[in-house]
């Protein structure tokens, strides 16, 4: 059972490219974020959601054999805001229910990623528990 207290600078990273995942984790840590993961599959992301608490999530849209939309749905159910990352999937090709979500194009600079996460927090979207 996840702890009821959430550090507002805790982020789940879901990215199937190990080099990019570690690079993001390193950059986020350097900016003072606590990184959960990174994980490379939807199944691993859902397991993290069941086991750990985090304030926001970063989801690579295309996880190789699967898309991250089911994970996004679970995050929504829990009130956890998220940012999509994509290298080639067009935002307008997302399922309609996700077309208004924040989506950054890869490669993404750390500053842009941090700005997107902080924007989620400024919007008051971060689930406090």
N, C-alpha and C. Protein backbone atom coordinates (compact mmCIF):
# COMPACT_ATOMS: atom_id res chain seq x y z
N UNK A 1 0.84 -1.19 0.00
CA UNK A 1 0.00 0.00 0.00
C UNK A 1 0.88 1.24 0.00
N UNK A 2 0.68 2.17 -0.95
CA UNK A 2 1.50 3.37 -1.02
C UNK A 2 1.32 4.25 0.21
N UNK A 3 2.39 4.95 0.57
CA UNK A 3 2.34 5.92 1.66
C UNK A 3 1.42 7.07 1.29
N UNK A 4 0.68 7.65 2.27
CA UNK A 4 -0.24 8.73 1.95
C UNK A 4 0.46 10.06 1.69
N UNK A 5 1.74 10.20 2.05
CA UNK A 5 2.46 11.45 1.88
C UNK A 5 3.22 11.42 0.57
N UNK A 6 3.09 12.50 -0.19
CA UNK A 6 3.76 12.59 -1.48
C UNK A 6 4.71 13.78 -1.48
N UNK A 7 5.96 13.52 -1.80
CA UNK A 7 6.91 14.60 -2.02
C UNK A 7 6.53 15.25 -3.35
N UNK A 8 6.25 16.55 -3.38
CA UNK A 8 5.80 17.20 -4.62
C UNK A 8 6.84 17.21 -5.73
N UNK A 9 8.06 16.82 -5.43
CA UNK A 9 9.10 16.77 -6.46
C UNK A 9 9.52 15.32 -6.74
N UNK A 10 8.54 14.43 -6.66
CA UNK A 10 8.79 13.02 -6.98
C UNK A 10 8.13 12.72 -8.32
N UNK A 11 8.89 12.13 -9.23
CA UNK A 11 8.41 11.92 -10.60
C UNK A 11 8.68 10.48 -11.04
N UNK A 12 7.67 9.86 -11.62
CA UNK A 12 7.83 8.56 -12.26
C UNK A 12 8.28 8.79 -13.69
N UNK A 13 9.34 8.10 -14.11
CA UNK A 13 9.83 8.19 -15.48
C UNK A 13 9.56 6.86 -16.17
N UNK A 14 8.78 6.92 -17.26
CA UNK A 14 8.46 5.74 -18.06
C UNK A 14 9.04 5.97 -19.45
N UNK A 15 10.13 5.28 -19.74
CA UNK A 15 10.86 5.47 -21.01
C UNK A 15 11.55 4.16 -21.35
N UNK A 16 11.34 3.67 -22.58
CA UNK A 16 11.92 2.38 -22.96
C UNK A 16 13.33 2.45 -23.52
N UNK A 17 13.81 3.63 -23.84
CA UNK A 17 15.18 3.79 -24.32
C UNK A 17 16.07 3.97 -23.09
N UNK A 18 16.92 2.97 -22.77
CA UNK A 18 17.69 3.05 -21.53
C UNK A 18 18.62 4.25 -21.44
N UNK A 19 19.22 4.65 -22.53
CA UNK A 19 20.12 5.80 -22.51
C UNK A 19 19.34 7.07 -22.21
N UNK A 20 18.22 7.25 -22.89
CA UNK A 20 17.38 8.43 -22.66
C UNK A 20 16.79 8.41 -21.25
N UNK A 21 16.37 7.24 -20.78
CA UNK A 21 15.79 7.12 -19.45
C UNK A 21 16.80 7.54 -18.38
N UNK A 22 18.01 7.03 -18.48
CA UNK A 22 19.04 7.38 -17.50
C UNK A 22 19.45 8.83 -17.61
N UNK A 23 19.49 9.36 -18.81
CA UNK A 23 19.82 10.77 -19.01
C UNK A 23 18.77 11.66 -18.35
N UNK A 24 17.49 11.32 -18.55
CA UNK A 24 16.42 12.09 -17.92
C UNK A 24 16.49 11.98 -16.41
N UNK A 25 16.70 10.77 -15.91
CA UNK A 25 16.78 10.57 -14.46
C UNK A 25 17.91 11.40 -13.86
N UNK A 26 19.05 11.40 -14.53
CA UNK A 26 20.20 12.17 -14.06
C UNK A 26 19.87 13.66 -14.04
N UNK A 27 19.30 14.17 -15.13
CA UNK A 27 18.97 15.60 -15.23
C UNK A 27 17.92 15.99 -14.18
N UNK A 28 16.90 15.17 -14.03
CA UNK A 28 15.86 15.47 -13.04
C UNK A 28 16.44 15.49 -11.63
N UNK A 29 17.29 14.53 -11.33
CA UNK A 29 17.95 14.49 -10.02
C UNK A 29 18.79 15.74 -9.80
N UNK A 30 19.48 16.18 -10.84
CA UNK A 30 20.31 17.38 -10.74
C UNK A 30 19.47 18.62 -10.44
N UNK A 31 18.22 18.61 -10.86
CA UNK A 31 17.31 19.72 -10.60
C UNK A 31 16.55 19.55 -9.29
N UNK A 32 16.90 18.52 -8.52
CA UNK A 32 16.30 18.34 -7.20
C UNK A 32 15.07 17.46 -7.16
N UNK A 33 14.80 16.72 -8.23
CA UNK A 33 13.65 15.82 -8.26
C UNK A 33 14.07 14.44 -7.76
N UNK A 34 13.15 13.74 -7.14
CA UNK A 34 13.35 12.35 -6.77
C UNK A 34 12.71 11.51 -7.86
N UNK A 35 13.49 10.66 -8.48
CA UNK A 35 13.02 9.88 -9.63
C UNK A 35 12.60 8.48 -9.19
N UNK A 36 11.40 8.11 -9.58
CA UNK A 36 10.90 6.74 -9.41
C UNK A 36 11.13 6.07 -10.76
N UNK A 37 11.81 4.94 -10.75
CA UNK A 37 12.20 4.28 -12.00
C UNK A 37 13.62 4.70 -12.34
N UNK A 38 13.86 4.87 -13.60
CA UNK A 38 12.93 4.76 -14.72
C UNK A 38 12.51 3.32 -14.99
N UNK A 39 11.31 3.20 -15.56
CA UNK A 39 10.79 1.91 -15.97
C UNK A 39 10.54 1.94 -17.47
N UNK A 40 10.58 0.75 -18.10
CA UNK A 40 10.53 0.69 -19.56
C UNK A 40 9.23 0.13 -20.13
N UNK A 41 8.33 -0.35 -19.27
CA UNK A 41 7.10 -0.96 -19.77
C UNK A 41 5.89 -0.43 -19.02
N UNK A 42 4.74 -0.59 -19.64
CA UNK A 42 3.50 -0.22 -18.98
C UNK A 42 3.27 -1.04 -17.74
N UNK A 43 3.57 -2.32 -17.80
CA UNK A 43 3.38 -3.20 -16.64
C UNK A 43 4.22 -2.72 -15.46
N UNK A 44 5.48 -2.39 -15.70
CA UNK A 44 6.35 -1.91 -14.64
C UNK A 44 5.85 -0.57 -14.08
N UNK A 45 5.31 0.28 -14.95
CA UNK A 45 4.78 1.56 -14.49
C UNK A 45 3.58 1.36 -13.58
N UNK A 46 2.68 0.44 -13.95
CA UNK A 46 1.50 0.16 -13.13
C UNK A 46 1.93 -0.45 -11.79
N UNK A 47 2.96 -1.28 -11.80
CA UNK A 47 3.48 -1.84 -10.55
C UNK A 47 4.02 -0.73 -9.65
N UNK A 48 4.74 0.23 -10.23
CA UNK A 48 5.25 1.36 -9.44
C UNK A 48 4.08 2.16 -8.86
N UNK A 49 3.04 2.33 -9.66
CA UNK A 49 1.86 3.07 -9.20
C UNK A 49 1.21 2.38 -8.00
N UNK A 50 1.23 1.05 -8.00
CA UNK A 50 0.65 0.29 -6.89
C UNK A 50 1.54 0.32 -5.65
N UNK A 51 2.86 0.43 -5.85
CA UNK A 51 3.81 0.31 -4.75
C UNK A 51 4.30 1.63 -4.18
N UNK A 52 4.37 2.65 -5.01
CA UNK A 52 5.02 3.91 -4.60
C UNK A 52 4.11 5.09 -4.88
N UNK A 53 4.42 6.19 -4.24
CA UNK A 53 3.70 7.44 -4.46
C UNK A 53 4.63 8.41 -5.19
N UNK A 54 4.08 9.17 -6.10
CA UNK A 54 4.83 10.21 -6.78
C UNK A 54 3.85 11.29 -7.17
N UNK A 55 4.36 12.49 -7.37
CA UNK A 55 3.50 13.64 -7.62
C UNK A 55 3.13 13.79 -9.09
N UNK A 56 4.06 13.45 -9.99
CA UNK A 56 3.86 13.61 -11.42
C UNK A 56 4.54 12.45 -12.15
N UNK A 57 4.26 12.34 -13.44
CA UNK A 57 4.88 11.28 -14.23
C UNK A 57 5.25 11.81 -15.61
N UNK A 58 6.27 11.18 -16.18
CA UNK A 58 6.70 11.44 -17.55
C UNK A 58 6.50 10.14 -18.30
N UNK A 59 5.72 10.18 -19.37
CA UNK A 59 5.39 8.96 -20.13
C UNK A 59 5.86 9.07 -21.57
N UNK A 60 6.77 8.20 -21.95
CA UNK A 60 7.08 8.04 -23.37
C UNK A 60 5.84 7.41 -23.99
N UNK A 61 5.35 7.96 -25.07
CA UNK A 61 4.12 7.45 -25.69
C UNK A 61 4.32 6.05 -26.24
N UNK A 62 5.38 5.86 -27.02
CA UNK A 62 5.63 4.59 -27.68
C UNK A 62 6.67 3.80 -26.89
N UNK A 63 6.21 2.74 -26.23
CA UNK A 63 7.10 1.89 -25.43
C UNK A 63 7.47 0.62 -26.18
N UNK A 64 7.70 0.75 -27.46
CA UNK A 64 8.10 -0.40 -28.27
C UNK A 64 6.92 -1.26 -28.65
N UNK A 65 6.64 -2.27 -27.85
CA UNK A 65 5.54 -3.20 -28.13
C UNK A 65 4.19 -2.67 -27.68
N UNK A 66 4.17 -1.55 -26.99
CA UNK A 66 2.92 -1.01 -26.44
C UNK A 66 2.97 0.51 -26.40
N UNK A 67 1.80 1.08 -26.20
CA UNK A 67 1.68 2.52 -26.01
C UNK A 67 1.43 2.77 -24.52
N UNK A 68 1.71 3.97 -24.07
CA UNK A 68 1.58 4.27 -22.64
C UNK A 68 0.19 4.79 -22.24
N UNK A 69 -0.76 4.79 -23.15
CA UNK A 69 -2.08 5.33 -22.83
C UNK A 69 -2.78 4.58 -21.69
N UNK A 70 -2.67 3.25 -21.58
CA UNK A 70 -3.27 2.60 -20.41
C UNK A 70 -2.66 3.07 -19.09
N UNK A 71 -1.38 3.36 -19.09
CA UNK A 71 -0.72 3.89 -17.89
C UNK A 71 -1.27 5.28 -17.60
N UNK A 72 -1.42 6.09 -18.63
CA UNK A 72 -1.98 7.44 -18.45
C UNK A 72 -3.37 7.36 -17.84
N UNK A 73 -4.15 6.38 -18.28
CA UNK A 73 -5.51 6.20 -17.74
C UNK A 73 -5.45 5.89 -16.24
N UNK A 74 -4.54 5.00 -15.85
CA UNK A 74 -4.37 4.66 -14.43
C UNK A 74 -3.92 5.88 -13.62
N UNK A 75 -3.01 6.66 -14.19
CA UNK A 75 -2.56 7.87 -13.51
C UNK A 75 -3.71 8.84 -13.31
N UNK A 76 -4.53 9.00 -14.34
CA UNK A 76 -5.71 9.87 -14.22
C UNK A 76 -6.63 9.40 -13.11
N UNK A 77 -6.86 8.10 -13.04
CA UNK A 77 -7.74 7.54 -12.00
C UNK A 77 -7.22 7.89 -10.61
N UNK A 78 -5.90 7.97 -10.47
CA UNK A 78 -5.28 8.27 -9.18
C UNK A 78 -5.05 9.77 -8.97
N UNK A 79 -5.37 10.57 -9.97
CA UNK A 79 -5.17 12.01 -9.84
C UNK A 79 -3.73 12.45 -9.97
N UNK A 80 -2.93 11.65 -10.67
CA UNK A 80 -1.51 11.98 -10.86
C UNK A 80 -1.34 12.61 -12.25
N UNK A 81 -0.94 13.87 -12.31
CA UNK A 81 -0.73 14.52 -13.61
C UNK A 81 0.51 13.97 -14.30
N UNK A 82 0.53 14.11 -15.62
CA UNK A 82 1.64 13.54 -16.39
C UNK A 82 1.92 14.37 -17.63
N UNK A 83 3.11 14.15 -18.16
CA UNK A 83 3.57 14.76 -19.39
C UNK A 83 3.91 13.63 -20.34
N UNK A 84 3.43 13.72 -21.58
CA UNK A 84 3.81 12.74 -22.60
C UNK A 84 5.09 13.20 -23.29
N UNK A 85 5.92 12.23 -23.68
CA UNK A 85 7.07 12.47 -24.56
C UNK A 85 6.88 11.62 -25.79
N UNK A 86 7.21 12.17 -26.94
CA UNK A 86 7.11 11.39 -28.17
C UNK A 86 8.20 11.79 -29.15
N UNK A 87 8.68 10.81 -29.86
CA UNK A 87 9.69 11.06 -30.87
C UNK A 87 9.10 11.16 -32.26
N UNK A 88 7.98 10.49 -32.48
CA UNK A 88 7.43 10.50 -33.83
C UNK A 88 5.92 10.39 -33.90
N UNK A 89 5.26 10.08 -32.80
CA UNK A 89 3.80 9.99 -32.81
C UNK A 89 3.25 11.41 -32.74
N UNK A 90 2.32 11.73 -33.63
CA UNK A 90 1.72 13.06 -33.62
C UNK A 90 0.69 13.16 -32.49
N UNK A 91 0.72 14.28 -31.81
CA UNK A 91 -0.21 14.53 -30.71
C UNK A 91 -1.66 14.41 -31.19
N UNK A 92 -1.93 14.80 -32.41
CA UNK A 92 -3.31 14.72 -32.92
C UNK A 92 -3.72 13.27 -33.23
N UNK A 93 -2.76 12.34 -33.22
CA UNK A 93 -3.08 10.92 -33.41
C UNK A 93 -3.34 10.21 -32.08
N UNK A 94 -3.22 10.93 -30.97
CA UNK A 94 -3.53 10.35 -29.66
C UNK A 94 -5.02 10.05 -29.58
N UNK A 95 -5.41 9.13 -28.71
CA UNK A 95 -6.84 8.98 -28.44
C UNK A 95 -7.41 10.34 -28.01
N UNK A 96 -8.62 10.60 -28.39
CA UNK A 96 -9.23 11.91 -28.13
C UNK A 96 -9.11 12.34 -26.67
N UNK A 97 -9.26 11.42 -25.75
CA UNK A 97 -9.23 11.77 -24.32
C UNK A 97 -7.87 12.28 -23.85
N UNK A 98 -6.82 12.11 -24.67
CA UNK A 98 -5.48 12.56 -24.29
C UNK A 98 -4.95 13.69 -25.17
N UNK A 99 -5.74 14.18 -26.09
CA UNK A 99 -5.24 15.18 -27.02
C UNK A 99 -4.95 16.54 -26.38
N UNK A 100 -5.49 16.79 -25.21
CA UNK A 100 -5.23 18.07 -24.55
C UNK A 100 -4.14 17.99 -23.48
N UNK A 101 -3.52 16.84 -23.35
CA UNK A 101 -2.44 16.68 -22.37
C UNK A 101 -1.15 17.31 -22.90
N UNK A 102 -0.31 17.71 -21.97
CA UNK A 102 1.00 18.24 -22.35
C UNK A 102 1.81 17.16 -23.04
N UNK A 103 2.41 17.50 -24.17
CA UNK A 103 3.21 16.55 -24.94
C UNK A 103 4.46 17.27 -25.44
N UNK A 104 5.61 16.72 -25.11
CA UNK A 104 6.88 17.28 -25.56
C UNK A 104 7.49 16.36 -26.61
N UNK A 105 8.12 16.97 -27.60
CA UNK A 105 8.79 16.21 -28.66
C UNK A 105 10.21 15.89 -28.25
N UNK A 106 10.61 14.64 -28.50
CA UNK A 106 12.00 14.24 -28.28
C UNK A 106 12.84 14.70 -29.44
N UNK A 107 14.08 14.99 -29.25
CA UNK A 107 14.74 15.03 -27.95
C UNK A 107 14.29 16.27 -27.19
N UNK A 108 14.13 16.12 -25.90
CA UNK A 108 13.67 17.22 -25.05
C UNK A 108 14.82 17.67 -24.17
N UNK A 109 14.97 18.97 -24.08
CA UNK A 109 16.01 19.55 -23.23
C UNK A 109 15.54 19.48 -21.77
N UNK A 110 16.45 19.25 -20.85
CA UNK A 110 16.06 19.17 -19.43
C UNK A 110 15.26 20.38 -18.96
N UNK A 111 15.64 21.59 -19.39
CA UNK A 111 14.92 22.79 -18.97
C UNK A 111 13.45 22.73 -19.39
N UNK A 112 13.18 22.23 -20.60
CA UNK A 112 11.80 22.12 -21.08
C UNK A 112 11.01 21.10 -20.27
N UNK A 113 11.66 20.02 -19.92
CA UNK A 113 11.03 18.98 -19.12
C UNK A 113 10.69 19.50 -17.73
N UNK A 114 11.64 20.17 -17.10
CA UNK A 114 11.42 20.74 -15.77
C UNK A 114 10.31 21.78 -15.84
N UNK A 115 10.32 22.61 -16.86
CA UNK A 115 9.28 23.63 -17.02
C UNK A 115 7.90 22.99 -17.12
N UNK A 116 7.79 21.91 -17.88
CA UNK A 116 6.50 21.22 -18.02
C UNK A 116 6.03 20.64 -16.69
N UNK A 117 6.95 20.02 -15.93
CA UNK A 117 6.58 19.45 -14.64
C UNK A 117 6.17 20.55 -13.66
N UNK A 118 6.92 21.64 -13.65
CA UNK A 118 6.59 22.74 -12.75
C UNK A 118 5.29 23.41 -13.14
N UNK A 119 4.98 23.40 -14.42
CA UNK A 119 3.70 23.93 -14.89
C UNK A 119 2.54 23.10 -14.34
N UNK A 120 2.71 21.78 -14.32
CA UNK A 120 1.68 20.92 -13.74
C UNK A 120 1.46 21.30 -12.28
N UNK A 121 2.55 21.56 -11.58
CA UNK A 121 2.44 21.92 -10.17
C UNK A 121 1.80 23.29 -10.00
N UNK A 122 2.19 24.24 -10.84
CA UNK A 122 1.63 25.60 -10.74
C UNK A 122 0.14 25.61 -11.04
N UNK A 123 -0.28 24.70 -11.90
CA UNK A 123 -1.71 24.61 -12.23
C UNK A 123 -2.51 23.99 -11.10
N UNK A 124 -1.80 23.56 -10.05
CA UNK A 124 -2.49 22.94 -8.92
C UNK A 124 -2.94 21.55 -9.22
N UNK A 125 -2.36 20.94 -10.26
CA UNK A 125 -2.80 19.61 -10.68
C UNK A 125 -2.16 18.50 -9.86
N UNK A 126 -1.12 18.80 -9.11
CA UNK A 126 -0.40 17.75 -8.40
C UNK A 126 -1.23 17.22 -7.24
N UNK A 127 -1.41 15.92 -7.22
CA UNK A 127 -2.16 15.25 -6.16
C UNK A 127 -1.35 15.28 -4.88
N UNK A 128 -1.87 15.88 -3.84
CA UNK A 128 -1.14 15.99 -2.58
C UNK A 128 -1.39 14.81 -1.65
N UNK A 129 -2.13 13.86 -2.07
CA UNK A 129 -2.29 12.71 -1.22
C UNK A 129 -3.68 12.22 -1.21
